[in-house]
Amino acid sequence: KQLRLEDTLHLWDSYFVLGPEQGFSLHPYVCLAILQQHREKLLDMDSDELLRFLSILPKTNIDMVIRGAYNIREFVSSRELL
C-alpha cells in the first residue's frame, strides 16, 4: 500500500520517462513484481496475515521491482498473453 517516499519518487520517474501511455501501463506489472519479490513470505501466510502484510509493505527494493516489472511485461508481451 505504501512505499517509502524516495521509492515512490523513483517509481514515478520510471513512469514519466516512458511517457503517459507506456509508463502507466507498467503499473500492473510493478504490482506483480512487488508480490513476486515477497513471494516466499506471502505463500506462508493465511488471509489475515496477507491483508496486514500488504497494507503495510516492508522495505522493498524498488530497483528490483522496476526491473522485474519490465521482465514480466516482456514475458507477457512475447507470449501474447494479453
PDB file of N, CA and C in Angstrom:
ATOM      1  N   LYS A   1       0.822  -1.184   0.000  1.00  0.00           N
ATOM      2  CA  LYS A   1       0.000   0.000   0.000  1.00  0.00           C
ATOM      3  C   LYS A   1       0.868   1.250   0.000  1.00  0.00           C
ATOM      4  N   GLN A   2       1.903   1.245   0.837  1.00  0.00           N
ATOM      5  CA  GLN A   2       2.759   2.417   0.868  1.00  0.00           C
ATOM      6  C   GLN A   2       4.207   2.027   0.641  1.00  0.00           C
ATOM      7  N   LEU A   3       4.848   2.784  -0.194  1.00  0.00           N
ATOM      8  CA  LEU A   3       6.282   2.651  -0.401  1.00  0.00           C
ATOM      9  C   LEU A   3       6.947   3.848   0.259  1.00  0.00           C
ATOM     10  N   ARG A   4       8.219   3.710   0.537  1.00  0.00           N
ATOM     11  CA  ARG A   4       8.948   4.863   1.059  1.00  0.00           C
ATOM     12  C   ARG A   4       8.874   5.985   0.033  1.00  0.00           C
ATOM     13  N   LEU A   5       8.936   7.224   0.496  1.00  0.00           N
ATOM     14  CA  LEU A   5       8.806   8.371  -0.401  1.00  0.00           C
ATOM     15  C   LEU A   5       9.852   8.337  -1.509  1.00  0.00           C
ATOM     16  N   GLU A   6      11.100   8.053  -1.170  1.00  0.00           N
ATOM     17  CA  GLU A   6      12.139   8.029  -2.210  1.00  0.00           C
ATOM     18  C   GLU A   6      11.881   6.925  -3.233  1.00  0.00           C
ATOM     19  N   ASP A   7      11.324   5.788  -2.796  1.00  0.00           N
ATOM     20  CA  ASP A   7      10.975   4.711  -3.731  1.00  0.00           C
ATOM     21  C   ASP A   7       9.807   5.124  -4.615  1.00  0.00           C
ATOM     22  N   THR A   8       8.840   5.808  -4.031  1.00  0.00           N
ATOM     23  CA  THR A   8       7.686   6.276  -4.791  1.00  0.00           C
ATOM     24  C   THR A   8       8.125   7.266  -5.874  1.00  0.00           C
ATOM     25  N   LEU A   9       9.007   8.179  -5.510  1.00  0.00           N
ATOM     26  CA  LEU A   9       9.506   9.153  -6.492  1.00  0.00           C
ATOM     27  C   LEU A   9      10.288   8.460  -7.607  1.00  0.00           C
ATOM     28  N   HIS A  10      11.095   7.488  -7.243  1.00  0.00           N
ATOM     29  CA  HIS A  10      11.860   6.740  -8.245  1.00  0.00           C
ATOM     30  C   HIS A  10      10.920   5.992  -9.196  1.00  0.00           C
ATOM     31  N   LEU A  11       9.880   5.418  -8.651  1.00  0.00           N
ATOM     32  CA  LEU A  11       8.891   4.703  -9.453  1.00  0.00           C
ATOM     33  C   LEU A  11       8.175   5.666 -10.407  1.00  0.00           C
ATOM     34  N   TRP A  12       7.751   6.817  -9.899  1.00  0.00           N
ATOM     35  CA  TRP A  12       7.092   7.804 -10.750  1.00  0.00           C
ATOM     36  C   TRP A  12       8.032   8.299 -11.845  1.00  0.00           C
ATOM     37  N   ASP A  13       9.306   8.491 -11.509  1.00  0.00           N
ATOM     38  CA  ASP A  13      10.281   8.879 -12.535  1.00  0.00           C
ATOM     39  C   ASP A  13      10.314   7.840 -13.651  1.00  0.00           C
ATOM     40  N   SER A  14      10.270   6.569 -13.269  1.00  0.00           N
ATOM     41  CA  SER A  14      10.279   5.491 -14.270  1.00  0.00           C
ATOM     42  C   SER A  14       9.050   5.565 -15.165  1.00  0.00           C
ATOM     43  N   TYR A  15       7.901   5.881 -14.576  1.00  0.00           N
ATOM     44  CA  TYR A  15       6.683   6.012 -15.370  1.00  0.00           C
ATOM     45  C   TYR A  15       6.791   7.183 -16.344  1.00  0.00           C
ATOM     46  N   PHE A  16       7.270   8.340 -15.852  1.00  0.00           N
ATOM     47  CA  PHE A  16       7.327   9.540 -16.688  1.00  0.00           C
ATOM     48  C   PHE A  16       8.354   9.428 -17.804  1.00  0.00           C
ATOM     49  N   VAL A  17       9.443   8.729 -17.565  1.00  0.00           N
ATOM     50  CA  VAL A  17      10.459   8.550 -18.604  1.00  0.00           C
ATOM     51  C   VAL A  17       9.860   7.849 -19.823  1.00  0.00           C
ATOM     52  N   LEU A  18       8.958   6.915 -19.567  1.00  0.00           N
ATOM     53  CA  LEU A  18       8.347   6.159 -20.657  1.00  0.00           C
ATOM     54  C   LEU A  18       7.216   6.907 -21.345  1.00  0.00           C
ATOM     55  N   GLY A  19       6.741   7.986 -20.751  1.00  0.00           N
ATOM     56  CA  GLY A  19       5.612   8.726 -21.300  1.00  0.00           C
ATOM     57  C   GLY A  19       4.308   8.202 -20.728  1.00  0.00           C
ATOM     58  N   PRO A  20       3.239   8.972 -20.911  1.00  0.00           N
ATOM     59  CA  PRO A  20       1.981   8.632 -20.248  1.00  0.00           C
ATOM     60  C   PRO A  20       1.401   7.268 -20.619  1.00  0.00           C
ATOM     61  N   GLU A  21       1.418   6.937 -21.876  1.00  0.00           N
ATOM     62  CA  GLU A  21       0.804   5.674 -22.290  1.00  0.00           C
ATOM     63  C   GLU A  21       1.633   4.468 -21.850  1.00  0.00           C
ATOM     64  N   GLN A  22       2.905   4.476 -22.168  1.00  0.00           N
ATOM     65  CA  GLN A  22       3.785   3.353 -21.816  1.00  0.00           C
ATOM     66  C   GLN A  22       4.050   3.286 -20.318  1.00  0.00           C
ATOM     67  N   GLY A  23       4.278   4.446 -19.697  1.00  0.00           N
ATOM     68  CA  GLY A  23       4.648   4.483 -18.288  1.00  0.00           C
ATOM     69  C   GLY A  23       3.576   3.924 -17.376  1.00  0.00           C
ATOM     70  N   PHE A  24       2.367   4.420 -17.530  1.00  0.00           N
ATOM     71  CA  PHE A  24       1.311   3.978 -16.634  1.00  0.00           C
ATOM     72  C   PHE A  24       0.831   2.569 -16.939  1.00  0.00           C
ATOM     73  N   SER A  25       1.083   2.088 -18.130  1.00  0.00           N
ATOM     74  CA  SER A  25       0.735   0.694 -18.428  1.00  0.00           C
ATOM     75  C   SER A  25       1.686  -0.265 -17.726  1.00  0.00           C
ATOM     76  N   LEU A  26       2.812   0.247 -17.221  1.00  0.00           N
ATOM     77  CA  LEU A  26       3.758  -0.577 -16.476  1.00  0.00           C
ATOM     78  C   LEU A  26       3.262  -0.862 -15.054  1.00  0.00           C
ATOM     79  N   HIS A  27       2.351  -0.038 -14.546  1.00  0.00           N
ATOM     80  CA  HIS A  27       1.938  -0.140 -13.142  1.00  0.00           C
ATOM     81  C   HIS A  27       1.429  -1.526 -12.707  1.00  0.00           C
ATOM     82  N   PRO A  28       0.557  -2.183 -13.470  1.00  0.00           N
ATOM     83  CA  PRO A  28       0.124  -3.527 -13.038  1.00  0.00           C
ATOM     84  C   PRO A  28       1.294  -4.503 -12.903  1.00  0.00           C
ATOM     85  N   TYR A  29       2.288  -4.343 -13.751  1.00  0.00           N
ATOM     86  CA  TYR A  29       3.462  -5.214 -13.690  1.00  0.00           C
ATOM     87  C   TYR A  29       4.330  -4.887 -12.473  1.00  0.00           C
ATOM     88  N   VAL A  30       4.329  -3.619 -12.080  1.00  0.00           N
ATOM     89  CA  VAL A  30       5.024  -3.230 -10.849  1.00  0.00           C
ATOM     90  C   VAL A  30       4.353  -3.921  -9.657  1.00  0.00           C
ATOM     91  N   CYS A  31       3.036  -3.921  -9.643  1.00  0.00           N
ATOM     92  CA  CYS A  31       2.308  -4.601  -8.558  1.00  0.00           C
ATOM     93  C   CYS A  31       2.655  -6.086  -8.514  1.00  0.00           C
ATOM     94  N   LEU A  32       2.681  -6.714  -9.667  1.00  0.00           N
ATOM     95  CA  LEU A  32       3.053  -8.133  -9.730  1.00  0.00           C
ATOM     96  C   LEU A  32       4.491  -8.355  -9.277  1.00  0.00           C
ATOM     97  N   ALA A  33       5.386  -7.454  -9.649  1.00  0.00           N
ATOM     98  CA  ALA A  33       6.791  -7.585  -9.267  1.00  0.00           C
ATOM     99  C   ALA A  33       6.967  -7.444  -7.748  1.00  0.00           C
ATOM    100  N   ILE A  34       6.174  -6.580  -7.128  1.00  0.00           N
ATOM    101  CA  ILE A  34       6.221  -6.454  -5.665  1.00  0.00           C
ATOM    102  C   ILE A  34       5.778  -7.763  -5.023  1.00  0.00           C
ATOM    103  N   LEU A  35       4.698  -8.338  -5.521  1.00  0.00           N
ATOM    104  CA  LEU A  35       4.244  -9.627  -4.997  1.00  0.00           C
ATOM    105  C   LEU A  35       5.293 -10.709  -5.222  1.00  0.00           C
ATOM    106  N   GLN A  36       5.917 -10.686  -6.384  1.00  0.00           N
ATOM    107  CA  GLN A  36       6.943 -11.676  -6.696  1.00  0.00           C
ATOM    108  C   GLN A  36       8.148 -11.524  -5.758  1.00  0.00           C
ATOM    109  N   GLN A  37       8.511 -10.291  -5.442  1.00  0.00           N
ATOM    110  CA  GLN A  37       9.651 -10.054  -4.562  1.00  0.00           C
ATOM    111  C   GLN A  37       9.416 -10.615  -3.157  1.00  0.00           C
ATOM    112  N   HIS A  38       8.168 -10.621  -2.717  1.00  0.00           N
ATOM    113  CA  HIS A  38       7.832 -11.099  -1.373  1.00  0.00           C
ATOM    114  C   HIS A  38       7.131 -12.462  -1.405  1.00  0.00           C
ATOM    115  N   ARG A  39       7.257 -13.157  -2.513  1.00  0.00           N
ATOM    116  CA  ARG A  39       6.547 -14.403  -2.775  1.00  0.00           C
ATOM    117  C   ARG A  39       6.665 -15.432  -1.647  1.00  0.00           C
ATOM    118  N   GLU A  40       7.867 -15.707  -1.214  1.00  0.00           N
ATOM    119  CA  GLU A  40       8.071 -16.757  -0.201  1.00  0.00           C
ATOM    120  C   GLU A  40       7.336 -16.442   1.089  1.00  0.00           C
ATOM    121  N   LYS A  41       7.408 -15.190   1.530  1.00  0.00           N
ATOM    122  CA  LYS A  41       6.698 -14.794   2.753  1.00  0.00           C
ATOM    123  C   LYS A  41       5.192 -14.917   2.549  1.00  0.00           C
ATOM    124  N   LEU A  42       4.724 -14.455   1.394  1.00  0.00           N
ATOM    125  CA  LEU A  42       3.281 -14.452   1.124  1.00  0.00           C
ATOM    126  C   LEU A  42       2.701 -15.862   1.087  1.00  0.00           C
ATOM    127  N   LEU A  43       3.444 -16.799   0.533  1.00  0.00           N
ATOM    128  CA  LEU A  43       2.949 -18.170   0.429  1.00  0.00           C
ATOM    129  C   LEU A  43       2.751 -18.841   1.783  1.00  0.00           C
ATOM    130  N   ASP A  44       3.464 -18.375   2.791  1.00  0.00           N
ATOM    131  CA  ASP A  44       3.358 -18.964   4.122  1.00  0.00           C
ATOM    132  C   ASP A  44       2.306 -18.294   5.002  1.00  0.00           C
ATOM    133  N   MET A  45       1.581 -17.315   4.486  1.00  0.00           N
ATOM    134  CA  MET A  45       0.635 -16.546   5.299  1.00  0.00           C
ATOM    135  C   MET A  45      -0.801 -16.981   5.064  1.00  0.00           C
ATOM    136  N   ASP A  46      -1.611 -16.813   6.118  1.00  0.00           N
ATOM    137  CA  ASP A  46      -3.054 -17.006   5.935  1.00  0.00           C
ATOM    138  C   ASP A  46      -3.650 -15.681   5.462  1.00  0.00           C
ATOM    139  N   SER A  47      -4.940 -15.649   5.206  1.00  0.00           N
ATOM    140  CA  SER A  47      -5.549 -14.470   4.587  1.00  0.00           C
ATOM    141  C   SER A  47      -5.446 -13.224   5.470  1.00  0.00           C
ATOM    142  N   ASP A  48      -5.603 -13.362   6.782  1.00  0.00           N
ATOM    143  CA  ASP A  48      -5.480 -12.194   7.656  1.00  0.00           C
ATOM    144  C   ASP A  48      -4.060 -11.641   7.651  1.00  0.00           C
ATOM    145  N   GLU A  49      -3.087 -12.526   7.688  1.00  0.00           N
ATOM    146  CA  GLU A  49      -1.686 -12.094   7.642  1.00  0.00           C
ATOM    147  C   GLU A  49      -1.375 -11.404   6.318  1.00  0.00           C
ATOM    148  N   LEU A  50      -1.918 -11.958   5.236  1.00  0.00           N
ATOM    149  CA  LEU A  50      -1.715 -11.349   3.918  1.00  0.00           C
ATOM    150  C   LEU A  50      -2.239  -9.915   3.870  1.00  0.00           C
ATOM    151  N   LEU A  51      -3.426  -9.716   4.389  1.00  0.00           N
ATOM    152  CA  LEU A  51      -4.011  -8.378   4.380  1.00  0.00           C
ATOM    153  C   LEU A  51      -3.168  -7.397   5.182  1.00  0.00           C
ATOM    154  N   ARG A  52      -2.710  -7.825   6.343  1.00  0.00           N
ATOM    155  CA  ARG A  52      -1.848  -6.957   7.162  1.00  0.00           C
ATOM    156  C   ARG A  52      -0.537  -6.654   6.439  1.00  0.00           C
ATOM    157  N   PHE A  53       0.072  -7.699   5.880  1.00  0.00           N
ATOM    158  CA  PHE A  53       1.353  -7.553   5.194  1.00  0.00           C
ATOM    159  C   PHE A  53       1.237  -6.593   4.020  1.00  0.00           C
ATOM    160  N   LEU A  54       0.194  -6.745   3.216  1.00  0.00           N
ATOM    161  CA  LEU A  54       0.036  -5.926   2.017  1.00  0.00           C
ATOM    162  C   LEU A  54      -0.426  -4.507   2.329  1.00  0.00           C
ATOM    163  N   SER A  55      -1.024  -4.297   3.495  1.00  0.00           N
ATOM    164  CA  SER A  55      -1.448  -2.943   3.842  1.00  0.00           C
ATOM    165  C   SER A  55      -0.281  -2.096   4.341  1.00  0.00           C
ATOM    166  N   ILE A  56       0.752  -2.753   4.845  1.00  0.00           N
ATOM    167  CA  ILE A  56       1.965  -2.045   5.281  1.00  0.00           C
ATOM    168  C   ILE A  56       3.152  -2.817   4.719  1.00  0.00           C
ATOM    169  N   LEU A  57       3.549  -2.461   3.517  1.00  0.00           N
ATOM    170  CA  LEU A  57       4.633  -3.187   2.852  1.00  0.00           C
ATOM    171  C   LEU A  57       5.947  -3.038   3.614  1.00  0.00           C
ATOM    172  N   PRO A  58       6.691  -4.125   3.700  1.00  0.00           N
ATOM    173  CA  PRO A  58       8.027  -3.997   4.272  1.00  0.00           C
ATOM    174  C   PRO A  58       8.946  -3.303   3.267  1.00  0.00           C
ATOM    175  N   LYS A  59      10.161  -3.029   3.681  1.00  0.00           N
ATOM    176  CA  LYS A  59      11.126  -2.397   2.777  1.00  0.00           C
ATOM    177  C   LYS A  59      11.211  -3.226   1.500  1.00  0.00           C
ATOM    178  N   THR A  60      11.117  -2.534   0.387  1.00  0.00           N
ATOM    179  CA  THR A  60      11.093  -3.177  -0.924  1.00  0.00           C
ATOM    180  C   THR A  60      12.209  -2.586  -1.778  1.00  0.00           C
ATOM    181  N   ASN A  61      12.935  -3.451  -2.470  1.00  0.00           N
ATOM    182  CA  ASN A  61      13.990  -2.991  -3.363  1.00  0.00           C
ATOM    183  C   ASN A  61      13.340  -2.510  -4.658  1.00  0.00           C
ATOM    184  N   ILE A  62      13.142  -1.209  -4.762  1.00  0.00           N
ATOM    185  CA  ILE A  62      12.380  -0.655  -5.881  1.00  0.00           C
ATOM    186  C   ILE A  62      13.085  -0.849  -7.220  1.00  0.00           C
ATOM    187  N   ASP A  63      14.415  -0.865  -7.222  1.00  0.00           N
ATOM    188  CA  ASP A  63      15.128  -1.121  -8.477  1.00  0.00           C
ATOM    189  C   ASP A  63      14.839  -2.530  -8.991  1.00  0.00           C
ATOM    190  N   MET A  64      14.835  -3.495  -8.068  1.00  0.00           N
ATOM    191  CA  MET A  64      14.500  -4.870  -8.460  1.00  0.00           C
ATOM    192  C   MET A  64      13.045  -4.966  -8.909  1.00  0.00           C
ATOM    193  N   VAL A  65      12.178  -4.214  -8.249  1.00  0.00           N
ATOM    194  CA  VAL A  65      10.754  -4.218  -8.625  1.00  0.00           C
ATOM    195  C   VAL A  65      10.592  -3.678 -10.040  1.00  0.00           C
ATOM    196  N   ILE A  66      11.247  -2.578 -10.352  1.00  0.00           N
ATOM    197  CA  ILE A  66      11.124  -1.981 -11.687  1.00  0.00           C
ATOM    198  C   ILE A  66      11.685  -2.928 -12.745  1.00  0.00           C
ATOM    199  N   ARG A  67      12.848  -3.502 -12.486  1.00  0.00           N
ATOM    200  CA  ARG A  67      13.409  -4.482 -13.442  1.00  0.00           C
ATOM    201  C   ARG A  67      12.469  -5.681 -13.582  1.00  0.00           C
ATOM    202  N   GLY A  68      11.933  -6.149 -12.467  1.00  0.00           N
ATOM    203  CA  GLY A  68      11.001  -7.270 -12.508  1.00  0.00           C
ATOM    204  C   GLY A  68       9.755  -6.938 -13.307  1.00  0.00           C
ATOM    205  N   ALA A  69       9.264  -5.703 -13.158  1.00  0.00           N
ATOM    206  CA  ALA A  69       8.076  -5.277 -13.901  1.00  0.00           C
ATOM    207  C   ALA A  69       8.336  -5.305 -15.404  1.00  0.00           C
ATOM    208  N   TYR A  70       9.497  -4.801 -15.811  1.00  0.00           N
ATOM    209  CA  TYR A  70       9.852  -4.854 -17.237  1.00  0.00           C
ATOM    210  C   TYR A  70       9.941  -6.303 -17.722  1.00  0.00           C
ATOM    211  N   ASN A  71      10.534  -7.158 -16.917  1.00  0.00           N
ATOM    212  CA  ASN A  71      10.666  -8.573 -17.303  1.00  0.00           C
ATOM    213  C   ASN A  71       9.309  -9.252 -17.418  1.00  0.00           C
ATOM    214  N   ILE A  72       8.426  -8.988 -16.473  1.00  0.00           N
ATOM    215  CA  ILE A  72       7.082  -9.592 -16.524  1.00  0.00           C
ATOM    216  C   ILE A  72       6.336  -9.079 -17.747  1.00  0.00           C
ATOM    217  N   ARG A  73       6.419  -7.765 -17.993  1.00  0.00           N
ATOM    218  CA  ARG A  73       5.735  -7.199 -19.166  1.00  0.00           C
ATOM    219  C   ARG A  73       6.275  -7.806 -20.457  1.00  0.00           C
ATOM    220  N   GLU A  74       7.582  -7.976 -20.543  1.00  0.00           N
ATOM    221  CA  GLU A  74       8.192  -8.591 -21.723  1.00  0.00           C
ATOM    222  C   GLU A  74       7.730 -10.038 -21.884  1.00  0.00           C
ATOM    223  N   PHE A  75       7.684 -10.770 -20.785  1.00  0.00           N
ATOM    224  CA  PHE A  75       7.226 -12.161 -20.805  1.00  0.00           C
ATOM    225  C   PHE A  75       5.800 -12.245 -21.328  1.00  0.00           C
ATOM    226  N   VAL A  76       4.933 -11.401 -20.788  1.00  0.00           N
ATOM    227  CA  VAL A  76       3.516 -11.393 -21.192  1.00  0.00           C
ATOM    228  C   VAL A  76       3.406 -10.999 -22.661  1.00  0.00           C
ATOM    229  N   SER A  77       4.126  -9.977 -23.070  1.00  0.00           N
ATOM    230  CA  SER A  77       4.063  -9.483 -24.442  1.00  0.00           C
ATOM    231  C   SER A  77       4.606 -10.517 -25.437  1.00  0.00           C
ATOM    232  N   SER A  78       5.730 -11.111 -25.114  1.00  0.00           N
ATOM    233  CA  SER A  78       6.364 -12.061 -26.053  1.00  0.00           C
ATOM    234  C   SER A  78       5.525 -13.316 -26.262  1.00  0.00           C
ATOM    235  N   ARG A  79       4.696 -13.633 -25.308  1.00  0.00           N
ATOM    236  CA  ARG A  79       3.840 -14.806 -25.427  1.00  0.00           C
ATOM    237  C   ARG A  79       2.401 -14.440 -25.783  1.00  0.00           C
ATOM    238  N   GLU A  80       2.207 -13.148 -26.067  1.00  0.00           N
ATOM    239  CA  GLU A  80       0.896 -12.616 -26.463  1.00  0.00           C
ATOM    240  C   GLU A  80      -0.191 -13.068 -25.487  1.00  0.00           C
ATOM    241  N   LEU A  81       0.100 -12.921 -24.185  1.00  0.00           N
ATOM    242  CA  LEU A  81      -0.851 -13.354 -23.157  1.00  0.00           C
ATOM    243  C   LEU A  81      -1.955 -12.315 -22.935  1.00  0.00           C
ATOM    244  N   LEU A  82      -1.724 -11.092 -23.371  1.00  0.00           N
ATOM    245  CA  LEU A  82      -2.751 -10.047 -23.253  1.00  0.00           C
ATOM    246  C   LEU A  82      -3.051  -9.451 -24.609  1.00  0.00           C
TER     247      LEU A  82
END
